[in-house]
């Protein structure tokens, strides 16, 4: 298996894992929504939604950083190959 294929597979697995976590957190939020009976329950729902939003934000930042790192590595590889 080539390095490019390994990189693609690793990227897919990372994205699948993050998507699973986001879906799980969203499920918790929806499940809690149907149990709203008082202000305390509403606060729990708001907190669950906040955690879901935070998870999505972390995922977006993580993907951006991975993309930036991958581009930097590719640029360094191109510079090394042109030097040799």
N, C-alpha and C. Protein backbone atom coordinates (compact mmCIF):
# COMPACT_ATOMS: atom_id res chain seq x y z
N UNK A 1 0.85 -1.18 0.00
CA UNK A 1 0.00 0.00 0.00
C UNK A 1 0.89 1.24 0.00
N UNK A 2 0.59 2.16 -0.87
CA UNK A 2 1.41 3.36 -0.98
C UNK A 2 1.12 4.32 0.16
N UNK A 3 2.03 5.26 0.35
CA UNK A 3 1.88 6.24 1.43
C UNK A 3 0.65 7.11 1.21
N UNK A 4 0.34 7.42 -0.06
CA UNK A 4 -0.83 8.24 -0.35
C UNK A 4 -2.12 7.53 0.04
N UNK A 5 -2.20 6.22 -0.24
CA UNK A 5 -3.40 5.46 0.12
C UNK A 5 -3.54 5.37 1.63
N UNK A 6 -2.44 5.17 2.33
CA UNK A 6 -2.49 5.13 3.79
C UNK A 6 -2.96 6.46 4.36
N UNK A 7 -2.50 7.54 3.76
CA UNK A 7 -2.90 8.88 4.20
C UNK A 7 -4.40 9.09 3.99
N UNK A 8 -4.91 8.66 2.86
CA UNK A 8 -6.33 8.81 2.57
C UNK A 8 -7.16 7.96 3.53
N UNK A 9 -6.74 6.73 3.77
CA UNK A 9 -7.48 5.85 4.69
C UNK A 9 -7.47 6.43 6.10
N UNK A 10 -6.32 6.92 6.55
CA UNK A 10 -6.22 7.52 7.88
C UNK A 10 -7.16 8.72 7.98
N UNK A 11 -7.18 9.55 6.95
CA UNK A 11 -8.05 10.73 6.96
C UNK A 11 -9.51 10.32 7.04
N UNK A 12 -9.90 9.29 6.30
CA UNK A 12 -11.28 8.82 6.32
C UNK A 12 -11.65 8.30 7.71
N UNK A 13 -10.76 7.52 8.32
CA UNK A 13 -11.04 6.99 9.65
C UNK A 13 -11.16 8.10 10.69
N UNK A 14 -10.31 9.10 10.60
CA UNK A 14 -10.39 10.23 11.53
C UNK A 14 -11.71 10.96 11.37
N UNK A 15 -12.09 11.23 10.13
CA UNK A 15 -13.35 11.94 9.88
C UNK A 15 -14.56 11.10 10.33
N UNK A 16 -14.51 9.80 10.10
CA UNK A 16 -15.61 8.93 10.52
C UNK A 16 -15.74 8.93 12.05
N UNK A 17 -14.62 8.89 12.73
CA UNK A 17 -14.65 8.92 14.20
C UNK A 17 -15.24 10.21 14.72
N UNK A 18 -14.83 11.33 14.14
CA UNK A 18 -15.36 12.62 14.59
C UNK A 18 -16.86 12.72 14.28
N UNK A 19 -17.27 12.23 13.13
CA UNK A 19 -18.69 12.26 12.78
C UNK A 19 -19.51 11.42 13.75
N UNK A 20 -18.97 10.25 14.14
CA UNK A 20 -19.66 9.40 15.11
C UNK A 20 -19.86 10.14 16.43
N UNK A 21 -18.82 10.80 16.91
CA UNK A 21 -18.92 11.53 18.18
C UNK A 21 -19.96 12.64 18.06
N UNK A 22 -19.95 13.37 16.97
CA UNK A 22 -20.93 14.45 16.78
C UNK A 22 -22.35 13.91 16.75
N UNK A 23 -22.55 12.80 16.05
CA UNK A 23 -23.89 12.22 15.98
C UNK A 23 -24.34 11.73 17.36
N UNK A 24 -23.43 11.14 18.11
CA UNK A 24 -23.76 10.67 19.45
C UNK A 24 -24.18 11.82 20.35
N UNK A 25 -23.43 12.92 20.29
CA UNK A 25 -23.77 14.09 21.11
C UNK A 25 -25.11 14.67 20.68
N UNK A 26 -25.36 14.70 19.38
CA UNK A 26 -26.65 15.21 18.89
C UNK A 26 -27.80 14.32 19.36
N UNK A 27 -27.59 13.02 19.38
CA UNK A 27 -28.61 12.10 19.86
C UNK A 27 -28.95 12.40 21.31
N UNK A 28 -27.93 12.65 22.12
CA UNK A 28 -28.18 12.97 23.52
C UNK A 28 -29.02 14.24 23.65
N UNK A 29 -28.76 15.21 22.80
CA UNK A 29 -29.50 16.47 22.84
C UNK A 29 -30.96 16.25 22.46
N UNK A 30 -31.22 15.49 21.41
CA UNK A 30 -32.59 15.23 20.97
C UNK A 30 -33.34 14.41 22.00
N UNK A 31 -32.68 13.41 22.56
CA UNK A 31 -33.30 12.57 23.57
C UNK A 31 -33.72 13.42 24.78
N UNK A 32 -32.87 14.33 25.19
CA UNK A 32 -33.18 15.18 26.34
C UNK A 32 -34.33 16.14 26.02
N UNK A 33 -34.44 16.57 24.78
CA UNK A 33 -35.46 17.56 24.40
C UNK A 33 -36.88 17.07 24.70
N UNK A 34 -37.13 15.78 24.50
CA UNK A 34 -38.47 15.25 24.71
C UNK A 34 -38.82 15.08 26.18
N UNK A 35 -37.85 15.26 27.06
CA UNK A 35 -38.12 15.14 28.48
C UNK A 35 -38.24 16.48 29.18
N UNK A 36 -38.46 17.56 28.43
CA UNK A 36 -38.54 18.89 29.04
C UNK A 36 -39.81 19.01 29.88
N UNK A 37 -39.62 19.20 31.16
CA UNK A 37 -40.76 19.40 32.04
C UNK A 37 -40.57 20.59 32.96
N UNK A 38 -39.33 21.08 33.07
CA UNK A 38 -39.08 22.22 33.94
C UNK A 38 -37.85 22.98 33.48
N UNK A 39 -37.52 24.03 34.21
CA UNK A 39 -36.38 24.88 33.85
C UNK A 39 -35.07 24.10 33.93
N UNK A 40 -34.93 23.20 34.88
CA UNK A 40 -33.72 22.39 35.01
C UNK A 40 -33.49 21.54 33.78
N UNK A 41 -34.55 20.94 33.27
CA UNK A 41 -34.44 20.12 32.07
C UNK A 41 -34.05 20.99 30.87
N UNK A 42 -34.62 22.19 30.80
CA UNK A 42 -34.29 23.10 29.71
C UNK A 42 -32.82 23.50 29.76
N UNK A 43 -32.29 23.71 30.97
CA UNK A 43 -30.87 24.04 31.11
C UNK A 43 -29.99 22.87 30.65
N UNK A 44 -30.42 21.65 30.95
CA UNK A 44 -29.65 20.48 30.50
C UNK A 44 -29.64 20.39 28.98
N UNK A 45 -30.76 20.70 28.36
CA UNK A 45 -30.84 20.68 26.90
C UNK A 45 -29.90 21.73 26.31
N UNK A 46 -29.94 22.92 26.91
CA UNK A 46 -29.07 24.00 26.42
C UNK A 46 -27.60 23.59 26.55
N UNK A 47 -27.26 22.96 27.65
CA UNK A 47 -25.88 22.51 27.83
C UNK A 47 -25.52 21.43 26.81
N UNK A 48 -26.43 20.52 26.54
CA UNK A 48 -26.18 19.48 25.53
C UNK A 48 -25.97 20.09 24.15
N UNK A 49 -26.78 21.08 23.82
CA UNK A 49 -26.62 21.76 22.54
C UNK A 49 -25.30 22.50 22.47
N UNK A 50 -24.91 23.10 23.58
CA UNK A 50 -23.63 23.80 23.62
C UNK A 50 -22.47 22.82 23.42
N UNK A 51 -22.56 21.67 24.04
CA UNK A 51 -21.51 20.66 23.88
C UNK A 51 -21.47 20.18 22.44
N UNK A 52 -22.63 19.97 21.83
CA UNK A 52 -22.66 19.57 20.42
C UNK A 52 -22.05 20.62 19.50
N UNK A 53 -22.38 21.88 19.77
CA UNK A 53 -21.82 22.97 18.97
C UNK A 53 -20.31 23.05 19.17
N UNK A 54 -19.87 22.86 20.40
CA UNK A 54 -18.44 22.88 20.68
C UNK A 54 -17.73 21.73 19.95
N UNK A 55 -18.34 20.55 19.96
CA UNK A 55 -17.75 19.40 19.27
C UNK A 55 -17.64 19.68 17.77
N UNK A 56 -18.66 20.29 17.19
CA UNK A 56 -18.61 20.63 15.77
C UNK A 56 -17.53 21.66 15.49
N UNK A 57 -17.40 22.64 16.39
CA UNK A 57 -16.36 23.67 16.24
C UNK A 57 -14.97 23.06 16.33
N UNK A 58 -14.78 22.17 17.30
CA UNK A 58 -13.49 21.50 17.45
C UNK A 58 -13.17 20.69 16.19
N UNK A 59 -14.17 20.01 15.66
CA UNK A 59 -13.97 19.23 14.45
C UNK A 59 -13.56 20.11 13.28
N UNK A 60 -14.20 21.26 13.15
CA UNK A 60 -13.86 22.17 12.06
C UNK A 60 -12.43 22.69 12.19
N UNK A 61 -12.05 23.07 13.40
CA UNK A 61 -10.69 23.55 13.63
C UNK A 61 -9.68 22.44 13.39
N UNK A 62 -10.01 21.24 13.88
CA UNK A 62 -9.13 20.09 13.72
C UNK A 62 -8.90 19.80 12.24
N UNK A 63 -9.98 19.78 11.45
CA UNK A 63 -9.84 19.53 10.01
C UNK A 63 -9.00 20.60 9.34
N UNK A 64 -9.19 21.86 9.74
CA UNK A 64 -8.41 22.94 9.16
C UNK A 64 -6.93 22.80 9.48
N UNK A 65 -6.63 22.46 10.73
CA UNK A 65 -5.23 22.27 11.12
C UNK A 65 -4.60 21.09 10.39
N UNK A 66 -5.33 19.98 10.27
CA UNK A 66 -4.80 18.82 9.55
C UNK A 66 -4.51 19.17 8.10
N UNK A 67 -5.41 19.91 7.49
CA UNK A 67 -5.22 20.30 6.10
C UNK A 67 -3.99 21.19 5.96
N UNK A 68 -3.84 22.15 6.87
CA UNK A 68 -2.69 23.06 6.84
C UNK A 68 -1.39 22.28 7.03
N UNK A 69 -1.38 21.36 7.99
CA UNK A 69 -0.19 20.55 8.25
C UNK A 69 0.15 19.70 7.03
N UNK A 70 -0.86 19.07 6.45
CA UNK A 70 -0.62 18.24 5.26
C UNK A 70 -0.06 19.06 4.10
N UNK A 71 -0.57 20.28 3.92
CA UNK A 71 -0.04 21.13 2.85
C UNK A 71 1.41 21.50 3.11
N UNK A 72 1.73 21.83 4.36
CA UNK A 72 3.11 22.18 4.72
C UNK A 72 4.05 20.99 4.47
N UNK A 73 3.62 19.79 4.84
CA UNK A 73 4.45 18.60 4.62
C UNK A 73 4.67 18.38 3.13
N UNK A 74 3.61 18.53 2.34
CA UNK A 74 3.76 18.36 0.89
C UNK A 74 4.70 19.40 0.30
N UNK A 75 4.62 20.65 0.79
CA UNK A 75 5.52 21.69 0.31
C UNK A 75 6.96 21.36 0.66
N UNK A 76 7.19 20.87 1.87
CA UNK A 76 8.54 20.51 2.29
C UNK A 76 9.06 19.33 1.47
N UNK A 77 8.19 18.36 1.17
CA UNK A 77 8.59 17.23 0.34
C UNK A 77 8.97 17.69 -1.07
N UNK A 78 8.21 18.64 -1.61
CA UNK A 78 8.51 19.16 -2.95
C UNK A 78 9.84 19.90 -2.95
N UNK A 79 10.10 20.67 -1.88
CA UNK A 79 11.37 21.38 -1.79
C UNK A 79 12.55 20.42 -1.69
N UNK A 80 12.38 19.34 -0.90
CA UNK A 80 13.43 18.34 -0.75
C UNK A 80 13.70 17.62 -2.07
N UNK A 81 12.65 17.30 -2.82
CA UNK A 81 12.85 16.59 -4.07
C UNK A 81 13.50 17.48 -5.14
N UNK A 82 13.23 18.79 -5.06
CA UNK A 82 13.84 19.68 -6.05
C UNK A 82 15.30 19.99 -5.69
N UNK A 83 15.67 19.86 -4.42
CA UNK A 83 17.04 20.10 -4.01
C UNK A 83 17.97 18.96 -4.42
N UNK A 84 17.43 17.75 -4.47
CA UNK A 84 18.26 16.57 -4.72
C UNK A 84 18.55 16.37 -6.13
